[in-house]
Each structure stands twice: as C-alpha cells, then as structure tokens.
Amino acid sequence: MSATVTTGPRPPRGDGEEPHFTIAVRPGPDGSSLATLDGEFDLAAYEPFMQALARVAAEGTALTIDAHGVVYIDSTGLRGLLQARNLLGQERVRIIRPSESVSKLLTATGTRHLFQVEGLPEG
C-alpha cells in the first residue's frame, strides 16, 4: 500500500503560514507499513491519520511511524498514536526519529513507555 494524504488549506496561523499535515504510507524495508508524518498533527489531521491506520490494520502489517517532520502535536495527535497502539498492539507500533514536539508530548504526558521509540528527537 502506498498513499499520501494532505490536509489543508486551513486558516492561516498568527504568523500567516497555513498549517498542514501530510501522511505518506508505503511499505517499509522491514515488511511493516512506514507512515511518514509531516506538519501539524492536530484535530484536522486526526481523520486522515485514522483512515491510514485502518488501511494498515486491514493489511495486517506492523506500523512504523516516522515522526521527524511533525512540527506540532496536540492531545488529538496523541490520541491517534494511542489508537494505533490499541488497534495494532504495542509490539506492532514503532515511532522512529520523533521530532522535539513529539518527544516532549510523550514525556510530558507520561506515555513514552507505551511505545517503542527509536532515535533522538530532532529539534
């Protein structure tokens, strides 16, 4: 499965930039589905993430989430990550290259231990 979904355009933020979110899912080198996230993982991004997650679950593959491009994540984004863990199982969801935003949220909420997290935060 290969698919890319982008949200937007959305109302400009205070800095005039339009927030966006892109999720690109393709087969990973280890047989898992590799989901590369880019942009703001928030309420507007939740539904596209869940649709991609449903496709991964239907295929029966593990999920590797490359989160280096996430510039903002809120509680809705965390909810999506937790849904992935609940649907696929902790051992089948891995977060690689978490951005500083993702790493900070997982630490602040005490949920880092619920995921296989690999790589240092990029900031």
PDB file of N, CA and C in Angstrom:
ATOM      1  N   MET A   1       0.840  -1.167   0.000  1.00  0.00           N
ATOM      2  CA  MET A   1       0.000   0.000   0.000  1.00  0.00           C
ATOM      3  C   MET A   1       0.886   1.231   0.000  1.00  0.00           C
ATOM      4  N   SER A   2       0.624   2.144  -0.891  1.00  0.00           N
ATOM      5  CA  SER A   2       1.261   3.452  -0.887  1.00  0.00           C
ATOM      6  C   SER A   2       0.162   4.486  -1.031  1.00  0.00           C
ATOM      7  N   ALA A   3       0.174   5.458  -0.134  1.00  0.00           N
ATOM      8  CA  ALA A   3      -0.839   6.502  -0.186  1.00  0.00           C
ATOM      9  C   ALA A   3      -0.297   7.736   0.505  1.00  0.00           C
ATOM     10  N   THR A   4      -0.683   8.896  -0.002  1.00  0.00           N
ATOM     11  CA  THR A   4      -0.331  10.157   0.630  1.00  0.00           C
ATOM     12  C   THR A   4      -1.603  10.970   0.789  1.00  0.00           C
ATOM     13  N   VAL A   5      -1.806  11.503   1.992  1.00  0.00           N
ATOM     14  CA  VAL A   5      -2.967  12.338   2.272  1.00  0.00           C
ATOM     15  C   VAL A   5      -2.460  13.640   2.867  1.00  0.00           C
ATOM     16  N   THR A   6      -2.969  14.755   2.368  1.00  0.00           N
ATOM     17  CA  THR A   6      -2.601  16.073   2.880  1.00  0.00           C
ATOM     18  C   THR A   6      -3.850  16.806   3.303  1.00  0.00           C
ATOM     19  N   THR A   7      -3.797  17.442   4.473  1.00  0.00           N
ATOM     20  CA  THR A   7      -4.906  18.293   4.888  1.00  0.00           C
ATOM     21  C   THR A   7      -4.594  19.715   4.466  1.00  0.00           C
ATOM     22  N   GLY A   8      -5.606  20.539   4.396  1.00  0.00           N
ATOM     23  CA  GLY A   8      -5.383  21.946   4.069  1.00  0.00           C
ATOM     24  C   GLY A   8      -6.123  22.285   2.806  1.00  0.00           C
ATOM     25  N   PRO A   9      -6.161  23.534   2.374  1.00  0.00           N
ATOM     26  CA  PRO A   9      -5.628  24.635   3.178  1.00  0.00           C
ATOM     27  C   PRO A   9      -6.520  24.893   4.374  1.00  0.00           C
ATOM     28  N   ARG A  10      -5.916  25.399   5.421  1.00  0.00           N
ATOM     29  CA  ARG A  10      -6.630  25.743   6.633  1.00  0.00           C
ATOM     30  C   ARG A  10      -6.397  27.215   6.906  1.00  0.00           C
ATOM     31  N   PRO A  11      -7.161  27.786   7.825  1.00  0.00           N
ATOM     32  CA  PRO A  11      -6.979  29.213   8.110  1.00  0.00           C
ATOM     33  C   PRO A  11      -5.544  29.509   8.543  1.00  0.00           C
ATOM     34  N   PRO A  12      -4.993  30.614   8.095  1.00  0.00           N
ATOM     35  CA  PRO A  12      -3.623  30.961   8.480  1.00  0.00           C
ATOM     36  C   PRO A  12      -3.477  31.107   9.989  1.00  0.00           C
ATOM     37  N   ARG A  13      -2.303  30.751  10.470  1.00  0.00           N
ATOM     38  CA  ARG A  13      -1.973  30.966  11.872  1.00  0.00           C
ATOM     39  C   ARG A  13      -1.625  32.435  12.041  1.00  0.00           C
ATOM     40  N   GLY A  14      -1.261  32.815  13.250  1.00  0.00           N
ATOM     41  CA  GLY A  14      -0.891  34.194  13.537  1.00  0.00           C
ATOM     42  C   GLY A  14       0.305  34.664  12.733  1.00  0.00           C
ATOM     43  N   ASP A  15       1.174  33.727  12.306  1.00  0.00           N
ATOM     44  CA  ASP A  15       2.361  34.110  11.545  1.00  0.00           C
ATOM     45  C   ASP A  15       2.097  34.139  10.042  1.00  0.00           C
ATOM     46  N   GLY A  16       0.832  33.932   9.639  1.00  0.00           N
ATOM     47  CA  GLY A  16       0.470  33.998   8.232  1.00  0.00           C
ATOM     48  C   GLY A  16       0.657  32.690   7.475  1.00  0.00           C
ATOM     49  N   GLU A  17       1.295  31.714   8.099  1.00  0.00           N
ATOM     50  CA  GLU A  17       1.508  30.417   7.463  1.00  0.00           C
ATOM     51  C   GLU A  17       0.242  29.575   7.538  1.00  0.00           C
ATOM     52  N   GLU A  18      -0.001  28.797   6.493  1.00  0.00           N
ATOM     53  CA  GLU A  18      -1.120  27.870   6.516  1.00  0.00           C
ATOM     54  C   GLU A  18      -0.650  26.556   7.107  1.00  0.00           C
ATOM     55  N   PRO A  19      -1.290  26.082   8.200  1.00  0.00           N
ATOM     56  CA  PRO A  19      -0.898  24.797   8.763  1.00  0.00           C
ATOM     57  C   PRO A  19      -1.247  23.668   7.803  1.00  0.00           C
ATOM     58  N   HIS A  20      -0.497  22.611   7.870  1.00  0.00           N
ATOM     59  CA  HIS A  20      -0.761  21.467   7.012  1.00  0.00           C
ATOM     60  C   HIS A  20      -0.383  20.197   7.753  1.00  0.00           C
ATOM     61  N   PHE A  21      -0.819  19.092   7.202  1.00  0.00           N
ATOM     62  CA  PHE A  21      -0.430  17.779   7.688  1.00  0.00           C
ATOM     63  C   PHE A  21      -0.405  16.849   6.499  1.00  0.00           C
ATOM     64  N   THR A  22       0.655  16.093   6.388  1.00  0.00           N
ATOM     65  CA  THR A  22       0.768  15.087   5.339  1.00  0.00           C
ATOM     66  C   THR A  22       1.135  13.766   5.980  1.00  0.00           C
ATOM     67  N   ILE A  23       0.458  12.715   5.568  1.00  0.00           N
ATOM     68  CA  ILE A  23       0.835  11.363   5.963  1.00  0.00           C
ATOM     69  C   ILE A  23       1.044  10.566   4.688  1.00  0.00           C
ATOM     70  N   ALA A  24       2.235  10.025   4.540  1.00  0.00           N
ATOM     71  CA  ALA A  24       2.563   9.184   3.385  1.00  0.00           C
ATOM     72  C   ALA A  24       2.847   7.789   3.915  1.00  0.00           C
ATOM     73  N   VAL A  25       2.093   6.807   3.437  1.00  0.00           N
ATOM     74  CA  VAL A  25       2.253   5.423   3.882  1.00  0.00           C
ATOM     75  C   VAL A  25       2.743   4.593   2.716  1.00  0.00           C
ATOM     76  N   ARG A  26       3.806   3.854   2.970  1.00  0.00           N
ATOM     77  CA  ARG A  26       4.368   2.974   1.940  1.00  0.00           C
ATOM     78  C   ARG A  26       4.951   1.750   2.632  1.00  0.00           C
ATOM     79  N   PRO A  27       5.246   0.705   1.896  1.00  0.00           N
ATOM     80  CA  PRO A  27       5.877  -0.464   2.511  1.00  0.00           C
ATOM     81  C   PRO A  27       7.255  -0.099   3.055  1.00  0.00           C
ATOM     82  N   GLY A  28       7.531  -0.530   4.277  1.00  0.00           N
ATOM     83  CA  GLY A  28       8.832  -0.280   4.892  1.00  0.00           C
ATOM     84  C   GLY A  28       9.810  -1.389   4.544  1.00  0.00           C
ATOM     85  N   PRO A  29      11.092  -1.143   4.756  1.00  0.00           N
ATOM     86  CA  PRO A  29      12.102  -2.139   4.400  1.00  0.00           C
ATOM     87  C   PRO A  29      12.035  -3.410   5.242  1.00  0.00           C
ATOM     88  N   ASP A  30      11.402  -3.324   6.414  1.00  0.00           N
ATOM     89  CA  ASP A  30      11.322  -4.494   7.296  1.00  0.00           C
ATOM     90  C   ASP A  30       9.983  -5.225   7.179  1.00  0.00           C
ATOM     91  N   GLY A  31       9.178  -4.870   6.192  1.00  0.00           N
ATOM     92  CA  GLY A  31       7.881  -5.513   6.000  1.00  0.00           C
ATOM     93  C   GLY A  31       6.733  -4.803   6.698  1.00  0.00           C
ATOM     94  N   SER A  32       7.047  -3.808   7.513  1.00  0.00           N
ATOM     95  CA  SER A  32       5.992  -3.027   8.157  1.00  0.00           C
ATOM     96  C   SER A  32       5.487  -1.972   7.176  1.00  0.00           C
ATOM     97  N   SER A  33       4.417  -1.317   7.560  1.00  0.00           N
ATOM     98  CA  SER A  33       3.979  -0.135   6.821  1.00  0.00           C
ATOM     99  C   SER A  33       4.701   1.055   7.433  1.00  0.00           C
ATOM    100  N   LEU A  34       5.313   1.879   6.601  1.00  0.00           N
ATOM    101  CA  LEU A  34       6.041   3.055   7.062  1.00  0.00           C
ATOM    102  C   LEU A  34       5.186   4.281   6.806  1.00  0.00           C
ATOM    103  N   ALA A  35       4.769   4.946   7.888  1.00  0.00           N
ATOM    104  CA  ALA A  35       3.966   6.165   7.787  1.00  0.00           C
ATOM    105  C   ALA A  35       4.863   7.347   8.126  1.00  0.00           C
ATOM    106  N   THR A  36       5.080   8.215   7.156  1.00  0.00           N
ATOM    107  CA  THR A  36       5.888   9.409   7.369  1.00  0.00           C
ATOM    108  C   THR A  36       4.936  10.577   7.595  1.00  0.00           C
ATOM    109  N   LEU A  37       5.057  11.200   8.772  1.00  0.00           N
ATOM    110  CA  LEU A  37       4.185  12.310   9.139  1.00  0.00           C
ATOM    111  C   LEU A  37       4.932  13.619   8.973  1.00  0.00           C
ATOM    112  N   ASP A  38       4.227  14.625   8.482  1.00  0.00           N
ATOM    113  CA  ASP A  38       4.831  15.944   8.288  1.00  0.00           C
ATOM    114  C   ASP A  38       3.796  17.014   8.603  1.00  0.00           C
ATOM    115  N   GLY A  39       4.191  17.995   9.406  1.00  0.00           N
ATOM    116  CA  GLY A  39       3.303  19.120   9.678  1.00  0.00           C
ATOM    117  C   GLY A  39       2.710  19.087  11.062  1.00  0.00           C
ATOM    118  N   GLU A  40       1.479  19.536  11.179  1.00  0.00           N
ATOM    119  CA  GLU A  40       0.799  19.696  12.452  1.00  0.00           C
ATOM    120  C   GLU A  40      -0.198  18.559  12.664  1.00  0.00           C
ATOM    121  N   PHE A  41       0.088  17.721  13.656  1.00  0.00           N
ATOM    122  CA  PHE A  41      -0.762  16.566  13.971  1.00  0.00           C
ATOM    123  C   PHE A  41      -1.755  17.010  15.045  1.00  0.00           C
ATOM    124  N   ASP A  42      -2.912  17.481  14.585  1.00  0.00           N
ATOM    125  CA  ASP A  42      -3.936  18.031  15.469  1.00  0.00           C
ATOM    126  C   ASP A  42      -5.303  17.537  15.016  1.00  0.00           C
ATOM    127  N   LEU A  43      -6.349  18.202  15.445  1.00  0.00           N
ATOM    128  CA  LEU A  43      -7.709  17.767  15.138  1.00  0.00           C
ATOM    129  C   LEU A  43      -7.945  17.598  13.639  1.00  0.00           C
ATOM    130  N   ALA A  44      -7.466  18.516  12.828  1.00  0.00           N
ATOM    131  CA  ALA A  44      -7.679  18.434  11.380  1.00  0.00           C
ATOM    132  C   ALA A  44      -6.941  17.252  10.764  1.00  0.00           C
ATOM    133  N   ALA A  45      -5.892  16.782  11.417  1.00  0.00           N
ATOM    134  CA  ALA A  45      -5.099  15.668  10.890  1.00  0.00           C
ATOM    135  C   ALA A  45      -5.573  14.313  11.403  1.00  0.00           C
ATOM    136  N   TYR A  46      -6.407  14.314  12.418  1.00  0.00           N
ATOM    137  CA  TYR A  46      -6.806  13.061  13.070  1.00  0.00           C
ATOM    138  C   TYR A  46      -7.508  12.104  12.108  1.00  0.00           C
ATOM    139  N   GLU A  47      -8.489  12.578  11.368  1.00  0.00           N
ATOM    140  CA  GLU A  47      -9.252  11.689  10.482  1.00  0.00           C
ATOM    141  C   GLU A  47      -8.377  11.090   9.372  1.00  0.00           C
ATOM    142  N   PRO A  48      -7.544  11.881   8.686  1.00  0.00           N
ATOM    143  CA  PRO A  48      -6.657  11.255   7.692  1.00  0.00           C
ATOM    144  C   PRO A  48      -5.718  10.218   8.317  1.00  0.00           C
ATOM    145  N   PHE A  49      -5.219  10.484   9.528  1.00  0.00           N
ATOM    146  CA  PHE A  49      -4.369   9.518  10.207  1.00  0.00           C
ATOM    147  C   PHE A  49      -5.143   8.231  10.496  1.00  0.00           C
ATOM    148  N   MET A  50      -6.369   8.365  10.984  1.00  0.00           N
ATOM    149  CA  MET A  50      -7.175   7.188  11.311  1.00  0.00           C
ATOM    150  C   MET A  50      -7.540   6.396  10.057  1.00  0.00           C
ATOM    151  N   GLN A  51      -7.777   7.073   8.939  1.00  0.00           N
ATOM    152  CA  GLN A  51      -8.062   6.364   7.692  1.00  0.00           C
ATOM    153  C   GLN A  51      -6.842   5.552   7.251  1.00  0.00           C
ATOM    154  N   ALA A  52      -5.663   6.150   7.367  1.00  0.00           N
ATOM    155  CA  ALA A  52      -4.435   5.428   7.024  1.00  0.00           C
ATOM    156  C   ALA A  52      -4.232   4.250   7.975  1.00  0.00           C
ATOM    157  N   LEU A  53      -4.508   4.461   9.252  1.00  0.00           N
ATOM    158  CA  LEU A  53      -4.376   3.399  10.243  1.00  0.00           C
ATOM    159  C   LEU A  53      -5.317   2.239   9.930  1.00  0.00           C
ATOM    160  N   ALA A  54      -6.523   2.537   9.515  1.00  0.00           N
ATOM    161  CA  ALA A  54      -7.484   1.482   9.164  1.00  0.00           C
ATOM    162  C   ALA A  54      -6.965   0.644   7.997  1.00  0.00           C
ATOM    163  N   ARG A  55      -6.335   1.294   7.014  1.00  0.00           N
ATOM    164  CA  ARG A  55      -5.766   0.551   5.876  1.00  0.00           C
ATOM    165  C   ARG A  55      -4.624  -0.352   6.335  1.00  0.00           C
ATOM    166  N   VAL A  56      -3.783   0.161   7.221  1.00  0.00           N
ATOM    167  CA  VAL A  56      -2.672  -0.642   7.749  1.00  0.00           C
ATOM    168  C   VAL A  56      -3.222  -1.838   8.526  1.00  0.00           C
ATOM    169  N   ALA A  57      -4.218  -1.609   9.358  1.00  0.00           N
ATOM    170  CA  ALA A  57      -4.815  -2.697  10.140  1.00  0.00           C
ATOM    171  C   ALA A  57      -5.428  -3.752   9.229  1.00  0.00           C
ATOM    172  N   ALA A  58      -6.075  -3.321   8.148  1.00  0.00           N
ATOM    173  CA  ALA A  58      -6.678  -4.268   7.204  1.00  0.00           C
ATOM    174  C   ALA A  58      -5.625  -5.126   6.523  1.00  0.00           C
ATOM    175  N   GLU A  59      -4.441  -4.557   6.299  1.00  0.00           N
ATOM    176  CA  GLU A  59      -3.351  -5.312   5.682  1.00  0.00           C
ATOM    177  C   GLU A  59      -2.677  -6.252   6.666  1.00  0.00           C
ATOM    178  N   GLY A  60      -2.839  -5.992   7.952  1.00  0.00           N
ATOM    179  CA  GLY A  60      -2.252  -6.859   8.965  1.00  0.00           C
ATOM    180  C   GLY A  60      -0.763  -6.648   9.192  1.00  0.00           C
ATOM    181  N   THR A  61      -0.236  -5.504   8.774  1.00  0.00           N
ATOM    182  CA  THR A  61       1.189  -5.249   8.964  1.00  0.00           C
ATOM    183  C   THR A  61       1.425  -4.450  10.245  1.00  0.00           C
ATOM    184  N   ALA A  62       2.650  -4.489  10.708  1.00  0.00           N
ATOM    185  CA  ALA A  62       3.064  -3.610  11.800  1.00  0.00           C
ATOM    186  C   ALA A  62       3.182  -2.196  11.236  1.00  0.00           C
ATOM    187  N   LEU A  63       3.282  -1.216  12.125  1.00  0.00           N
ATOM    188  CA  LEU A  63       3.332   0.178  11.696  1.00  0.00           C
ATOM    189  C   LEU A  63       4.565   0.855  12.278  1.00  0.00           C
ATOM    190  N   THR A  64       5.370   1.428  11.400  1.00  0.00           N
ATOM    191  CA  THR A  64       6.490   2.269  11.797  1.00  0.00           C
ATOM    192  C   THR A  64       6.102   3.700  11.459  1.00  0.00           C
ATOM    193  N   ILE A  65       6.141   4.573  12.465  1.00  0.00           N
ATOM    194  CA  ILE A  65       5.763   5.976  12.283  1.00  0.00           C
ATOM    195  C   ILE A  65       7.026   6.820  12.327  1.00  0.00           C
ATOM    196  N   ASP A  66       7.361   7.431  11.199  1.00  0.00           N
ATOM    197  CA  ASP A  66       8.498   8.351  11.138  1.00  0.00           C
ATOM    198  C   ASP A  66       7.951   9.738  11.455  1.00  0.00           C
ATOM    199  N   ALA A  67       8.273  10.225  12.658  1.00  0.00           N
ATOM    200  CA  ALA A  67       7.675  11.468  13.153  1.00  0.00           C
ATOM    201  C   ALA A  67       8.632  12.650  13.120  1.00  0.00           C
ATOM    202  N   HIS A  68       9.687  12.570  12.305  1.00  0.00           N
ATOM    203  CA  HIS A  68      10.665  13.657  12.302  1.00  0.00           C
ATOM    204  C   HIS A  68      10.107  14.964  11.751  1.00  0.00           C
ATOM    205  N   GLY A  69       9.064  14.891  10.932  1.00  0.00           N
ATOM    206  CA  GLY A  69       8.512  16.092  10.308  1.00  0.00           C
ATOM    207  C   GLY A  69       7.357  16.726  11.061  1.00  0.00           C
ATOM    208  N   VAL A  70       7.008  16.193  12.225  1.00  0.00           N
ATOM    209  CA  VAL A  70       5.891  16.748  12.995  1.00  0.00           C
ATOM    210  C   VAL A  70       6.372  17.995  13.727  1.00  0.00           C
ATOM    211  N   VAL A  71       5.831  19.142  13.339  1.00  0.00           N
ATOM    212  CA  VAL A  71       6.253  20.410  13.957  1.00  0.00           C
ATOM    213  C   VAL A  71       5.370  20.792  15.142  1.00  0.00           C
ATOM    214  N   TYR A  72       4.195  20.163  15.227  1.00  0.00           N
ATOM    215  CA  TYR A  72       3.261  20.438  16.328  1.00  0.00           C
ATOM    216  C   TYR A  72       2.398  19.202  16.499  1.00  0.00           C
ATOM    217  N   ILE A  73       2.185  18.820  17.751  1.00  0.00           N
ATOM    218  CA  ILE A  73       1.262  17.723  18.052  1.00  0.00           C
ATOM    219  C   ILE A  73       0.507  18.099  19.313  1.00  0.00           C
ATOM    220  N   ASP A  74      -0.804  17.881  19.308  1.00  0.00           N
ATOM    221  CA  ASP A  74      -1.608  18.171  20.486  1.00  0.00           C
ATOM    222  C   ASP A  74      -2.216  16.874  21.006  1.00  0.00           C
ATOM    223  N   SER A  75      -3.160  16.996  21.924  1.00  0.00           N
ATOM    224  CA  SER A  75      -3.758  15.805  22.529  1.00  0.00           C
ATOM    225  C   SER A  75      -4.507  14.950  21.508  1.00  0.00           C
ATOM    226  N   THR A  76      -4.998  15.563  20.446  1.00  0.00           N
ATOM    227  CA  THR A  76      -5.680  14.782  19.408  1.00  0.00           C
ATOM    228  C   THR A  76      -4.681  13.926  18.644  1.00  0.00           C
ATOM    229  N   GLY A  77      -3.490  14.470  18.383  1.00  0.00           N
ATOM    230  CA  GLY A  77      -2.434  13.678  17.754  1.00  0.00           C
ATOM    231  C   GLY A  77      -2.007  12.532  18.641  1.00  0.00           C
ATOM    232  N   LEU A  78      -1.876  12.803  19.937  1.00  0.00           N
ATOM    233  CA  LEU A  78      -1.541  11.742  20.889  1.00  0.00           C
ATOM    234  C   LEU A  78      -2.632  10.678  20.888  1.00  0.00           C
ATOM    235  N   ARG A  79      -3.877  11.119  20.817  1.00  0.00           N
ATOM    236  CA  ARG A  79      -4.987  10.160  20.754  1.00  0.00           C
ATOM    237  C   ARG A  79      -4.829   9.239  19.541  1.00  0.00           C
ATOM    238  N   GLY A  80      -4.432   9.795  18.408  1.00  0.00           N
ATOM    239  CA  GLY A  80      -4.211   8.974  17.218  1.00  0.00           C
ATOM    240  C   GLY A  80      -3.110   7.943  17.432  1.00  0.00           C
ATOM    241  N   LEU A  81      -2.019   8.369  18.057  1.00  0.00           N
ATOM    242  CA  LEU A  81      -0.925   7.432  18.338  1.00  0.00           C
ATOM    243  C   LEU A  81      -1.378   6.321  19.285  1.00  0.00           C
ATOM    244  N   LEU A  82      -2.153   6.697  20.297  1.00  0.00           N
ATOM    245  CA  LEU A  82      -2.666   5.697  21.238  1.00  0.00           C
ATOM    246  C   LEU A  82      -3.657   4.755  20.566  1.00  0.00           C
ATOM    247  N   GLN A  83      -4.452   5.282  19.646  1.00  0.00           N
ATOM    248  CA  GLN A  83      -5.385   4.428  18.896  1.00  0.00           C
ATOM    249  C   GLN A  83      -4.613   3.406  18.060  1.00  0.00           C
ATOM    250  N   ALA A  84      -3.508   3.852  17.462  1.00  0.00           N
ATOM    251  CA  ALA A  84      -2.676   2.919  16.678  1.00  0.00           C
ATOM    252  C   ALA A  84      -2.180   1.797  17.574  1.00  0.00           C
ATOM    253  N   ARG A  85      -1.688   2.162  18.755  1.00  0.00           N
ATOM    254  CA  ARG A  85      -1.192   1.168  19.714  1.00  0.00           C
ATOM    255  C   ARG A  85      -2.310   0.218  20.132  1.00  0.00           C
ATOM    256  N   ASN A  86      -3.489   0.755  20.418  1.00  0.00           N
ATOM    257  CA  ASN A  86      -4.608  -0.078  20.859  1.00  0.00           C
ATOM    258  C   ASN A  86      -5.103  -0.998  19.751  1.00  0.00           C
ATOM    259  N   LEU A  87      -5.126  -0.501  18.531  1.00  0.00           N
ATOM    260  CA  LEU A  87      -5.636  -1.293  17.407  1.00  0.00           C
ATOM    261  C   LEU A  87      -4.639  -2.364  16.959  1.00  0.00           C
ATOM    262  N   LEU A  88      -3.374  -1.995  16.869  1.00  0.00           N
ATOM    263  CA  LEU A  88      -2.377  -2.917  16.330  1.00  0.00           C
ATOM    264  C   LEU A  88      -1.605  -3.676  17.405  1.00  0.00           C
ATOM    265  N   GLY A  89      -1.550  -3.134  18.613  1.00  0.00           N
ATOM    266  CA  GLY A  89      -0.777  -3.745  19.688  1.00  0.00           C
ATOM    267  C   GLY A  89       0.548  -3.024  19.872  1.00  0.00           C
ATOM    268  N   GLN A  90       0.993  -2.919  21.108  1.00  0.00           N
ATOM    269  CA  GLN A  90       2.210  -2.168  21.427  1.00  0.00           C
ATOM    270  C   GLN A  90       3.416  -2.670  20.656  1.00  0.00           C
ATOM    271  N   GLU A  91       3.530  -3.980  20.523  1.00  0.00           N
ATOM    272  CA  GLU A  91       4.695  -4.547  19.848  1.00  0.00           C
ATOM    273  C   GLU A  91       4.674  -4.329  18.340  1.00  0.00           C
ATOM    274  N   ARG A  92       3.564  -3.840  17.807  1.00  0.00           N
ATOM    275  CA  ARG A  92       3.445  -3.649  16.357  1.00  0.00           C
ATOM    276  C   ARG A  92       3.432  -2.190  15.931  1.00  0.00           C
ATOM    277  N   VAL A  93       3.672  -1.266  16.882  1.00  0.00           N
ATOM    278  CA  VAL A  93       3.729   0.163  16.575  1.00  0.00           C
ATOM    279  C   VAL A  93       5.063   0.698  17.076  1.00  0.00           C
ATOM    280  N   ARG A  94       5.804   1.299  16.161  1.00  0.00           N
ATOM    281  CA  ARG A  94       7.120   1.844  16.492  1.00  0.00           C
ATOM    282  C   ARG A  94       7.177   3.282  15.996  1.00  0.00           C
ATOM    283  N   ILE A  95       7.684   4.184  16.833  1.00  0.00           N
ATOM    284  CA  ILE A  95       7.874   5.581  16.441  1.00  0.00           C
ATOM    285  C   ILE A  95       9.375   5.791  16.273  1.00  0.00           C
ATOM    286  N   ILE A  96       9.769   6.223  15.067  1.00  0.00           N
ATOM    287  CA  ILE A  96      11.185   6.473  14.822  1.00  0.00           C
ATOM    288  C   ILE A  96      11.406   7.961  14.574  1.00  0.00           C
ATOM    289  N   ARG A  97      12.590   8.414  14.891  1.00  0.00           N
ATOM    290  CA  ARG A  97      13.008   9.802  14.677  1.00  0.00           C
ATOM    291  C   ARG A  97      11.958  10.807  15.155  1.00  0.00           C
ATOM    292  N   PRO A  98      11.518  10.703  16.419  1.00  0.00           N
ATOM    293  CA  PRO A  98      10.491  11.654  16.870  1.00  0.00           C
ATOM    294  C   PRO A  98      11.030  13.080  16.853  1.00  0.00           C
ATOM    295  N   SER A  99      10.201  13.997  16.419  1.00  0.00           N
ATOM    296  CA  SER A  99      10.574  15.413  16.474  1.00  0.00           C
ATOM    297  C   SER A  99      10.606  15.845  17.927  1.00  0.00           C
ATOM    298  N   GLU A 100      11.130  17.019  18.170  1.00  0.00           N
ATOM    299  CA  GLU A 100      11.154  17.547  19.530  1.00  0.00           C
ATOM    300  C   GLU A 100       9.732  17.673  20.079  1.00  0.00           C
ATOM    301  N   SER A 101       8.782  18.095  19.242  1.00  0.00           N
ATOM    302  CA  SER A 101       7.383  18.235  19.675  1.00  0.00           C
ATOM    303  C   SER A 101       6.795  16.901  20.120  1.00  0.00           C
ATOM    304  N   VAL A 102       7.038  15.863  19.344  1.00  0.00           N
ATOM    305  CA  VAL A 102       6.508  14.535  19.688  1.00  0.00           C
ATOM    306  C   VAL A 102       7.172  14.018  20.957  1.00  0.00           C
ATOM    307  N   SER A 103       8.478  14.140  21.022  1.00  0.00           N
ATOM    308  CA  SER A 103       9.207  13.663  22.189  1.00  0.00           C
ATOM    309  C   SER A 103       8.752  14.373  23.472  1.00  0.00           C
ATOM    310  N   LYS A 104       8.593  15.686  23.399  1.00  0.00           N
ATOM    311  CA  LYS A 104       8.149  16.453  24.566  1.00  0.00           C
ATOM    312  C   LYS A 104       6.750  16.039  25.006  1.00  0.00           C
ATOM    313  N   LEU A 105       5.841  15.822  24.054  1.00  0.00           N
ATOM    314  CA  LEU A 105       4.474  15.440  24.405  1.00  0.00           C
ATOM    315  C   LEU A 105       4.444  14.062  25.062  1.00  0.00           C
ATOM    316  N   LEU A 106       5.178  13.104  24.503  1.00  0.00           N
ATOM    317  CA  LEU A 106       5.198  11.759  25.085  1.00  0.00           C
ATOM    318  C   LEU A 106       5.774  11.787  26.502  1.00  0.00           C
ATOM    319  N   THR A 107       6.794  12.595  26.709  1.00  0.00           N
ATOM    320  CA  THR A 107       7.402  12.707  28.033  1.00  0.00           C
ATOM    321  C   THR A 107       6.465  13.419  29.009  1.00  0.00           C
ATOM    322  N   ALA A 108       5.905  14.552  28.585  1.00  0.00           N
ATOM    323  CA  ALA A 108       5.047  15.351  29.470  1.00  0.00           C
ATOM    324  C   ALA A 108       3.787  14.603  29.889  1.00  0.00           C
ATOM    325  N   THR A 109       3.284  13.739  29.021  1.00  0.00           N
ATOM    326  CA  THR A 109       2.049  13.016  29.319  1.00  0.00           C
ATOM    327  C   THR A 109       2.311  11.659  29.959  1.00  0.00           C
ATOM    328  N   GLY A 110       3.573  11.295  30.089  1.00  0.00           N
ATOM    329  CA  GLY A 110       3.906  10.006  30.693  1.00  0.00           C
ATOM    330  C   GLY A 110       3.535   8.819  29.830  1.00  0.00           C
ATOM    331  N   THR A 111       3.482   9.028  28.520  1.00  0.00           N
ATOM    332  CA  THR A 111       3.075   7.940  27.618  1.00  0.00           C
ATOM    333  C   THR A 111       4.229   7.363  26.795  1.00  0.00           C
ATOM    334  N   ARG A 112       5.428   7.896  26.944  1.00  0.00           N
ATOM    335  CA  ARG A 112       6.571   7.407  26.154  1.00  0.00           C
ATOM    336  C   ARG A 112       6.750   5.900  26.314  1.00  0.00           C
ATOM    337  N   HIS A 113       6.570   5.387  27.538  1.00  0.00           N
ATOM    338  CA  HIS A 113       6.788   3.962  27.791  1.00  0.00           C
ATOM    339  C   HIS A 113       5.765   3.065  27.086  1.00  0.00           C
ATOM    340  N   LEU A 114       4.696   3.643  26.577  1.00  0.00           N
ATOM    341  CA  LEU A 114       3.674   2.858  25.888  1.00  0.00           C
ATOM    342  C   LEU A 114       4.054   2.528  24.448  1.00  0.00           C
ATOM    343  N   PHE A 115       5.128   3.144  23.956  1.00  0.00           N
ATOM    344  CA  PHE A 115       5.534   2.984  22.562  1.00  0.00           C
ATOM    345  C   PHE A 115       6.984   2.523  22.463  1.00  0.00           C
ATOM    346  N   GLN A 116       7.284   1.852  21.373  1.00  0.00           N
ATOM    347  CA  GLN A 116       8.667   1.616  21.014  1.00  0.00           C
ATOM    348  C   GLN A 116       9.134   2.894  20.324  1.00  0.00           C
ATOM    349  N   VAL A 117      10.020   3.651  20.956  1.00  0.00           N
ATOM    350  CA  VAL A 117      10.509   4.904  20.389  1.00  0.00           C
ATOM    351  C   VAL A 117      11.980   4.740  20.095  1.00  0.00           C
ATOM    352  N   GLU A 118      12.355   5.002  18.843  1.00  0.00           N
ATOM    353  CA  GLU A 118      13.743   4.856  18.430  1.00  0.00           C
ATOM    354  C   GLU A 118      14.250   6.154  17.823  1.00  0.00           C
ATOM    355  N   GLY A 119      15.465   6.518  18.172  1.00  0.00           N
ATOM    356  CA  GLY A 119      16.070   7.720  17.638  1.00  0.00           C
ATOM    357  C   GLY A 119      15.884   8.888  18.580  1.00  0.00           C
ATOM    358  N   LEU A 120      16.808   9.813  18.490  1.00  0.00           N
ATOM    359  CA  LEU A 120      16.746  11.004  19.315  1.00  0.00           C
ATOM    360  C   LEU A 120      15.816  12.029  18.687  1.00  0.00           C
ATOM    361  N   PRO A 121      15.211  12.864  19.522  1.00  0.00           N
ATOM    362  CA  PRO A 121      14.368  13.926  18.962  1.00  0.00           C
ATOM    363  C   PRO A 121      15.192  14.843  18.098  1.00  0.00           C
ATOM    364  N   GLU A 122      14.569  15.300  17.031  1.00  0.00           N
ATOM    365  CA  GLU A 122      15.221  16.270  16.163  1.00  0.00           C
ATOM    366  C   GLU A 122      14.647  17.634  16.508  1.00  0.00           C
ATOM    367  N   GLY A 123      15.493  18.601  16.662  1.00  0.00           N
ATOM    368  CA  GLY A 123      14.951  19.901  17.021  1.00  0.00           C
ATOM    369  C   GLY A 123      15.701  21.033  16.466  1.00  0.00           C
TER     370      GLY A 123
END
